[in-house]
Amino acid sequence: MELTIDVGVLLAVVIFVRARRKPLARSRSDAWLTVFLALAFGVLIAPTTFGQGVFHVVGQLAQGITQSTGR
């Protein structure tokens, strides 16, 4: 039996666990590590169907906000 782990899923779990920690207990390097992990997660899911769907939804949301402000 072979066990495989998707790196995107693993990073999502790590980011979730790190985000649940108290923000007051974080050092500057700890916060930057969380930012780096989130960026790496974004790069990993971007070419997937799920990533493209998220990109489309966020784009539609941004377009709606821009149009509602009248600019």
PDB file of N, CA and C in Angstrom:
ATOM      1  N   MET A   1       0.845  -1.172   0.000  1.00  0.00           N
ATOM      2  CA  MET A   1       0.000   0.000   0.000  1.00  0.00           C
ATOM      3  C   MET A   1       0.889   1.233   0.000  1.00  0.00           C
ATOM      4  N   GLU A   2       0.556   2.182  -0.867  1.00  0.00           N
ATOM      5  CA  GLU A   2       1.338   3.404  -0.983  1.00  0.00           C
ATOM      6  C   GLU A   2       0.494   4.585  -0.517  1.00  0.00           C
ATOM      7  N   LEU A   3       1.061   5.425   0.333  1.00  0.00           N
ATOM      8  CA  LEU A   3       0.365   6.587   0.862  1.00  0.00           C
ATOM      9  C   LEU A   3       0.946   7.836   0.223  1.00  0.00           C
ATOM     10  N   THR A   4       0.093   8.653  -0.366  1.00  0.00           N
ATOM     11  CA  THR A   4       0.555   9.904  -0.960  1.00  0.00           C
ATOM     12  C   THR A   4      -0.148  11.064  -0.268  1.00  0.00           C
ATOM     13  N   ILE A   5       0.562  12.174  -0.138  1.00  0.00           N
ATOM     14  CA  ILE A   5       0.021  13.370   0.486  1.00  0.00           C
ATOM     15  C   ILE A   5       0.165  14.514  -0.509  1.00  0.00           C
ATOM     16  N   ASP A   6      -0.925  15.209  -0.781  1.00  0.00           N
ATOM     17  CA  ASP A   6      -0.895  16.361  -1.652  1.00  0.00           C
ATOM     18  C   ASP A   6      -0.238  17.521  -0.889  1.00  0.00           C
ATOM     19  N   VAL A   7       0.735  18.161  -1.498  1.00  0.00           N
ATOM     20  CA  VAL A   7       1.469  19.237  -0.836  1.00  0.00           C
ATOM     21  C   VAL A   7       0.542  20.414  -0.545  1.00  0.00           C
ATOM     22  N   GLY A   8      -0.391  20.689  -1.448  1.00  0.00           N
ATOM     23  CA  GLY A   8      -1.342  21.782  -1.218  1.00  0.00           C
ATOM     24  C   GLY A   8      -2.205  21.535   0.007  1.00  0.00           C
ATOM     25  N   VAL A   9      -2.666  20.310   0.177  1.00  0.00           N
ATOM     26  CA  VAL A   9      -3.481  19.969   1.344  1.00  0.00           C
ATOM     27  C   VAL A   9      -2.640  20.058   2.614  1.00  0.00           C
ATOM     28  N   LEU A  10      -1.419  19.576   2.548  1.00  0.00           N
ATOM     29  CA  LEU A  10      -0.530  19.649   3.708  1.00  0.00           C
ATOM     30  C   LEU A  10      -0.273  21.099   4.113  1.00  0.00           C
ATOM     31  N   LEU A  11      -0.001  21.968   3.142  1.00  0.00           N
ATOM     32  CA  LEU A  11       0.216  23.384   3.448  1.00  0.00           C
ATOM     33  C   LEU A  11      -1.048  24.032   4.003  1.00  0.00           C
ATOM     34  N   ALA A  12      -2.215  23.652   3.484  1.00  0.00           N
ATOM     35  CA  ALA A  12      -3.469  24.206   4.002  1.00  0.00           C
ATOM     36  C   ALA A  12      -3.648  23.846   5.471  1.00  0.00           C
ATOM     37  N   VAL A  13      -3.321  22.629   5.835  1.00  0.00           N
ATOM     38  CA  VAL A  13      -3.435  22.204   7.236  1.00  0.00           C
ATOM     39  C   VAL A  13      -2.446  22.974   8.103  1.00  0.00           C
ATOM     40  N   VAL A  14      -1.218  23.135   7.635  1.00  0.00           N
ATOM     41  CA  VAL A  14      -0.206  23.866   8.405  1.00  0.00           C
ATOM     42  C   VAL A  14      -0.633  25.319   8.586  1.00  0.00           C
ATOM     43  N   ILE A  15      -1.134  25.956   7.541  1.00  0.00           N
ATOM     44  CA  ILE A  15      -1.576  27.347   7.635  1.00  0.00           C
ATOM     45  C   ILE A  15      -2.756  27.459   8.597  1.00  0.00           C
ATOM     46  N   PHE A  16      -3.682  26.514   8.536  1.00  0.00           N
ATOM     47  CA  PHE A  16      -4.833  26.536   9.435  1.00  0.00           C
ATOM     48  C   PHE A  16      -4.388  26.429  10.893  1.00  0.00           C
ATOM     49  N   VAL A  17      -3.479  25.528  11.171  1.00  0.00           N
ATOM     50  CA  VAL A  17      -3.002  25.349  12.549  1.00  0.00           C
ATOM     51  C   VAL A  17      -2.258  26.594  13.024  1.00  0.00           C
ATOM     52  N   ARG A  18      -1.437  27.179  12.149  1.00  0.00           N
ATOM     53  CA  ARG A  18      -0.692  28.386  12.530  1.00  0.00           C
ATOM     54  C   ARG A  18      -1.617  29.577  12.716  1.00  0.00           C
ATOM     55  N   ALA A  19      -2.687  29.668  11.937  1.00  0.00           N
ATOM     56  CA  ALA A  19      -3.603  30.799  12.036  1.00  0.00           C
ATOM     57  C   ALA A  19      -4.441  30.744  13.307  1.00  0.00           C
ATOM     58  N   ARG A  20      -4.605  29.573  13.868  1.00  0.00           N
ATOM     59  CA  ARG A  20      -5.401  29.442  15.089  1.00  0.00           C
ATOM     60  C   ARG A  20      -4.645  29.876  16.338  1.00  0.00           C
ATOM     61  N   ARG A  21      -3.332  30.036  16.230  1.00  0.00           N
ATOM     62  CA  ARG A  21      -2.543  30.448  17.396  1.00  0.00           C
ATOM     63  C   ARG A  21      -2.851  31.888  17.774  1.00  0.00           C
ATOM     64  N   LYS A  22      -2.559  32.254  18.998  1.00  0.00           N
ATOM     65  CA  LYS A  22      -2.786  33.621  19.461  1.00  0.00           C
ATOM     66  C   LYS A  22      -1.827  34.570  18.746  1.00  0.00           C
ATOM     67  N   PRO A  23      -2.346  35.675  18.198  1.00  0.00           N
ATOM     68  CA  PRO A  23      -1.471  36.598  17.462  1.00  0.00           C
ATOM     69  C   PRO A  23      -0.461  37.309  18.357  1.00  0.00           C
ATOM     70  N   LEU A  24      -0.742  37.464  19.631  1.00  0.00           N
ATOM     71  CA  LEU A  24       0.183  38.163  20.516  1.00  0.00           C
ATOM     72  C   LEU A  24       1.433  37.342  20.814  1.00  0.00           C
ATOM     73  N   ALA A  25       1.374  36.046  20.605  1.00  0.00           N
ATOM     74  CA  ALA A  25       2.501  35.175  20.918  1.00  0.00           C
ATOM     75  C   ALA A  25       3.453  35.013  19.733  1.00  0.00           C
ATOM     76  N   ARG A  26       3.225  35.733  18.639  1.00  0.00           N
ATOM     77  CA  ARG A  26       4.031  35.552  17.442  1.00  0.00           C
ATOM     78  C   ARG A  26       5.174  36.555  17.371  1.00  0.00           C
ATOM     79  N   SER A  27       6.306  36.083  16.924  1.00  0.00           N
ATOM     80  CA  SER A  27       7.424  36.980  16.657  1.00  0.00           C
ATOM     81  C   SER A  27       7.338  37.438  15.203  1.00  0.00           C
ATOM     82  N   ARG A  28       8.172  38.375  14.836  1.00  0.00           N
ATOM     83  CA  ARG A  28       8.163  38.882  13.468  1.00  0.00           C
ATOM     84  C   ARG A  28       8.537  37.780  12.479  1.00  0.00           C
ATOM     85  N   SER A  29       9.532  36.967  12.813  1.00  0.00           N
ATOM     86  CA  SER A  29       9.928  35.886  11.909  1.00  0.00           C
ATOM     87  C   SER A  29       8.833  34.826  11.797  1.00  0.00           C
ATOM     88  N   ASP A  30       8.102  34.601  12.879  1.00  0.00           N
ATOM     89  CA  ASP A  30       7.000  33.649  12.853  1.00  0.00           C
ATOM     90  C   ASP A  30       5.886  34.147  11.933  1.00  0.00           C
ATOM     91  N   ALA A  31       5.602  35.430  11.977  1.00  0.00           N
ATOM     92  CA  ALA A  31       4.579  36.002  11.100  1.00  0.00           C
ATOM     93  C   ALA A  31       5.021  35.914   9.635  1.00  0.00           C
ATOM     94  N   TRP A  32       6.297  36.176   9.362  1.00  0.00           N
ATOM     95  CA  TRP A  32       6.791  36.099   7.980  1.00  0.00           C
ATOM     96  C   TRP A  32       6.757  34.661   7.457  1.00  0.00           C
ATOM     97  N   LEU A  33       7.000  33.697   8.326  1.00  0.00           N
ATOM     98  CA  LEU A  33       6.912  32.304   7.916  1.00  0.00           C
ATOM     99  C   LEU A  33       5.476  31.954   7.506  1.00  0.00           C
ATOM    100  N   THR A  34       4.505  32.456   8.261  1.00  0.00           N
ATOM    101  CA  THR A  34       3.108  32.225   7.912  1.00  0.00           C
ATOM    102  C   THR A  34       2.771  32.860   6.569  1.00  0.00           C
ATOM    103  N   VAL A  35       3.260  34.065   6.325  1.00  0.00           N
ATOM    104  CA  VAL A  35       3.039  34.739   5.045  1.00  0.00           C
ATOM    105  C   VAL A  35       3.666  33.935   3.909  1.00  0.00           C
ATOM    106  N   PHE A  36       4.879  33.458   4.107  1.00  0.00           N
ATOM    107  CA  PHE A  36       5.557  32.661   3.079  1.00  0.00           C
ATOM    108  C   PHE A  36       4.785  31.375   2.778  1.00  0.00           C
ATOM    109  N   LEU A  37       4.307  30.706   3.817  1.00  0.00           N
ATOM    110  CA  LEU A  37       3.533  29.479   3.619  1.00  0.00           C
ATOM    111  C   LEU A  37       2.239  29.761   2.860  1.00  0.00           C
ATOM    112  N   ALA A  38       1.583  30.876   3.180  1.00  0.00           N
ATOM    113  CA  ALA A  38       0.349  31.228   2.479  1.00  0.00           C
ATOM    114  C   ALA A  38       0.623  31.529   1.009  1.00  0.00           C
ATOM    115  N   LEU A  39       1.711  32.215   0.715  1.00  0.00           N
ATOM    116  CA  LEU A  39       2.071  32.487  -0.678  1.00  0.00           C
ATOM    117  C   LEU A  39       2.404  31.204  -1.428  1.00  0.00           C
ATOM    118  N   ALA A  40       3.132  30.310  -0.782  1.00  0.00           N
ATOM    119  CA  ALA A  40       3.460  29.031  -1.417  1.00  0.00           C
ATOM    120  C   ALA A  40       2.187  28.241  -1.689  1.00  0.00           C
ATOM    121  N   PHE A  41       1.241  28.273  -0.764  1.00  0.00           N
ATOM    122  CA  PHE A  41      -0.037  27.593  -0.961  1.00  0.00           C
ATOM    123  C   PHE A  41      -0.775  28.181  -2.155  1.00  0.00           C
ATOM    124  N   GLY A  42      -0.771  29.497  -2.272  1.00  0.00           N
ATOM    125  CA  GLY A  42      -1.416  30.151  -3.408  1.00  0.00           C
ATOM    126  C   GLY A  42      -0.805  29.761  -4.731  1.00  0.00           C
ATOM    127  N   VAL A  43       0.513  29.662  -4.764  1.00  0.00           N
ATOM    128  CA  VAL A  43       1.198  29.261  -6.000  1.00  0.00           C
ATOM    129  C   VAL A  43       0.858  27.817  -6.354  1.00  0.00           C
ATOM    130  N   LEU A  44       0.721  26.967  -5.364  1.00  0.00           N
ATOM    131  CA  LEU A  44       0.411  25.559  -5.625  1.00  0.00           C
ATOM    132  C   LEU A  44      -1.013  25.345  -6.137  1.00  0.00           C
ATOM    133  N   ILE A  45      -1.980  26.122  -5.631  1.00  0.00           N
ATOM    134  CA  ILE A  45      -3.363  25.888  -6.059  1.00  0.00           C
ATOM    135  C   ILE A  45      -3.753  26.725  -7.266  1.00  0.00           C
ATOM    136  N   ALA A  46      -2.930  27.693  -7.668  1.00  0.00           N
ATOM    137  CA  ALA A  46      -3.290  28.597  -8.770  1.00  0.00           C
ATOM    138  C   ALA A  46      -3.596  27.862 -10.079  1.00  0.00           C
ATOM    139  N   PRO A  47      -2.796  26.887 -10.516  1.00  0.00           N
ATOM    140  CA  PRO A  47      -3.104  26.255 -11.802  1.00  0.00           C
ATOM    141  C   PRO A  47      -4.215  25.198 -11.744  1.00  0.00           C
ATOM    142  N   THR A  48      -4.739  24.920 -10.580  1.00  0.00           N
ATOM    143  CA  THR A  48      -5.778  23.904 -10.471  1.00  0.00           C
ATOM    144  C   THR A  48      -7.146  24.496 -10.796  1.00  0.00           C
ATOM    145  N   THR A  49      -8.123  23.654 -10.998  1.00  0.00           N
ATOM    146  CA  THR A  49      -9.488  24.109 -11.258  1.00  0.00           C
ATOM    147  C   THR A  49     -10.031  24.889 -10.067  1.00  0.00           C
ATOM    148  N   PHE A  50      -9.739  24.405  -8.871  1.00  0.00           N
ATOM    149  CA  PHE A  50     -10.176  25.106  -7.666  1.00  0.00           C
ATOM    150  C   PHE A  50      -9.545  26.493  -7.593  1.00  0.00           C
ATOM    151  N   GLY A  51      -8.250  26.582  -7.873  1.00  0.00           N
ATOM    152  CA  GLY A  51      -7.555  27.868  -7.845  1.00  0.00           C
ATOM    153  C   GLY A  51      -8.105  28.846  -8.862  1.00  0.00           C
ATOM    154  N   GLN A  52      -8.430  28.358 -10.059  1.00  0.00           N
ATOM    155  CA  GLN A  52      -9.016  29.224 -11.080  1.00  0.00           C
ATOM    156  C   GLN A  52     -10.411  29.690 -10.659  1.00  0.00           C
ATOM    157  N   GLY A  53     -11.163  28.829 -10.000  1.00  0.00           N
ATOM    158  CA  GLY A  53     -12.484  29.221  -9.503  1.00  0.00           C
ATOM    159  C   GLY A  53     -12.388  30.305  -8.446  1.00  0.00           C
ATOM    160  N   VAL A  54     -11.445  30.153  -7.513  1.00  0.00           N
ATOM    161  CA  VAL A  54     -11.231  31.171  -6.484  1.00  0.00           C
ATOM    162  C   VAL A  54     -10.821  32.486  -7.136  1.00  0.00           C
ATOM    163  N   PHE A  55      -9.936  32.421  -8.116  1.00  0.00           N
ATOM    164  CA  PHE A  55      -9.500  33.620  -8.827  1.00  0.00           C
ATOM    165  C   PHE A  55     -10.684  34.315  -9.497  1.00  0.00           C
ATOM    166  N   HIS A  56     -11.557  33.540 -10.113  1.00  0.00           N
ATOM    167  CA  HIS A  56     -12.730  34.106 -10.783  1.00  0.00           C
ATOM    168  C   HIS A  56     -13.674  34.765  -9.773  1.00  0.00           C
ATOM    169  N   VAL A  57     -13.932  34.110  -8.655  1.00  0.00           N
ATOM    170  CA  VAL A  57     -14.833  34.659  -7.636  1.00  0.00           C
ATOM    171  C   VAL A  57     -14.260  35.938  -7.044  1.00  0.00           C
ATOM    172  N   VAL A  58     -12.981  35.942  -6.725  1.00  0.00           N
ATOM    173  CA  VAL A  58     -12.355  37.141  -6.159  1.00  0.00           C
ATOM    174  C   VAL A  58     -12.365  38.275  -7.180  1.00  0.00           C
ATOM    175  N   GLY A  59     -12.138  37.954  -8.449  1.00  0.00           N
ATOM    176  CA  GLY A  59     -12.190  38.969  -9.499  1.00  0.00           C
ATOM    177  C   GLY A  59     -13.568  39.574  -9.634  1.00  0.00           C
ATOM    178  N   GLN A  60     -14.606  38.735  -9.590  1.00  0.00           N
ATOM    179  CA  GLN A  60     -15.978  39.229  -9.664  1.00  0.00           C
ATOM    180  C   GLN A  60     -16.317  40.095  -8.451  1.00  0.00           C
ATOM    181  N   LEU A  61     -15.858  39.696  -7.277  1.00  0.00           N
ATOM    182  CA  LEU A  61     -16.081  40.476  -6.061  1.00  0.00           C
ATOM    183  C   LEU A  61     -15.404  41.838  -6.155  1.00  0.00           C
ATOM    184  N   ALA A  62     -14.165  41.852  -6.607  1.00  0.00           N
ATOM    185  CA  ALA A  62     -13.438  43.121  -6.757  1.00  0.00           C
ATOM    186  C   ALA A  62     -14.114  44.011  -7.791  1.00  0.00           C
ATOM    187  N   GLN A  63     -14.586  43.431  -8.873  1.00  0.00           N
ATOM    188  CA  GLN A  63     -15.269  44.212  -9.906  1.00  0.00           C
ATOM    189  C   GLN A  63     -16.574  44.794  -9.355  1.00  0.00           C
ATOM    190  N   GLY A  64     -17.299  44.024  -8.580  1.00  0.00           N
ATOM    191  CA  GLY A  64     -18.529  44.519  -7.971  1.00  0.00           C
ATOM    192  C   GLY A  64     -18.280  45.645  -7.007  1.00  0.00           C
ATOM    193  N   ILE A  65     -17.222  45.541  -6.202  1.00  0.00           N
ATOM    194  CA  ILE A  65     -16.886  46.603  -5.256  1.00  0.00           C
ATOM    195  C   ILE A  65     -16.475  47.868  -6.007  1.00  0.00           C
ATOM    196  N   THR A  66     -15.702  47.709  -7.053  1.00  0.00           N
ATOM    197  CA  THR A  66     -15.256  48.856  -7.853  1.00  0.00           C
ATOM    198  C   THR A  66     -16.450  49.548  -8.488  1.00  0.00           C
ATOM    199  N   GLN A  67     -17.393  48.796  -9.016  1.00  0.00           N
ATOM    200  CA  GLN A  67     -18.561  49.393  -9.658  1.00  0.00           C
ATOM    201  C   GLN A  67     -19.489  50.039  -8.650  1.00  0.00           C
ATOM    202  N   SER A  68     -19.555  49.509  -7.436  1.00  0.00           N
ATOM    203  CA  SER A  68     -20.450  50.067  -6.430  1.00  0.00           C
ATOM    204  C   SER A  68     -19.918  51.394  -5.877  1.00  0.00           C
ATOM    205  N   THR A  69     -18.617  51.624  -5.960  1.00  0.00           N
ATOM    206  CA  THR A  69     -18.057  52.891  -5.485  1.00  0.00           C
ATOM    207  C   THR A  69     -18.173  53.980  -6.533  1.00  0.00           C
ATOM    208  N   GLY A  70     -18.534  53.622  -7.762  1.00  0.00           N
ATOM    209  CA  GLY A  70     -18.748  54.599  -8.809  1.00  0.00           C
ATOM    210  C   GLY A  70     -17.490  55.072  -9.498  1.00  0.00           C
ATOM    211  N   ARG A  71     -16.430  54.356  -9.403  1.00  0.00           N
ATOM    212  CA  ARG A  71     -15.182  54.764 -10.054  1.00  0.00           C
ATOM    213  C   ARG A  71     -14.980  54.076 -11.344  1.00  0.00           C
TER     214      ARG A  71
END
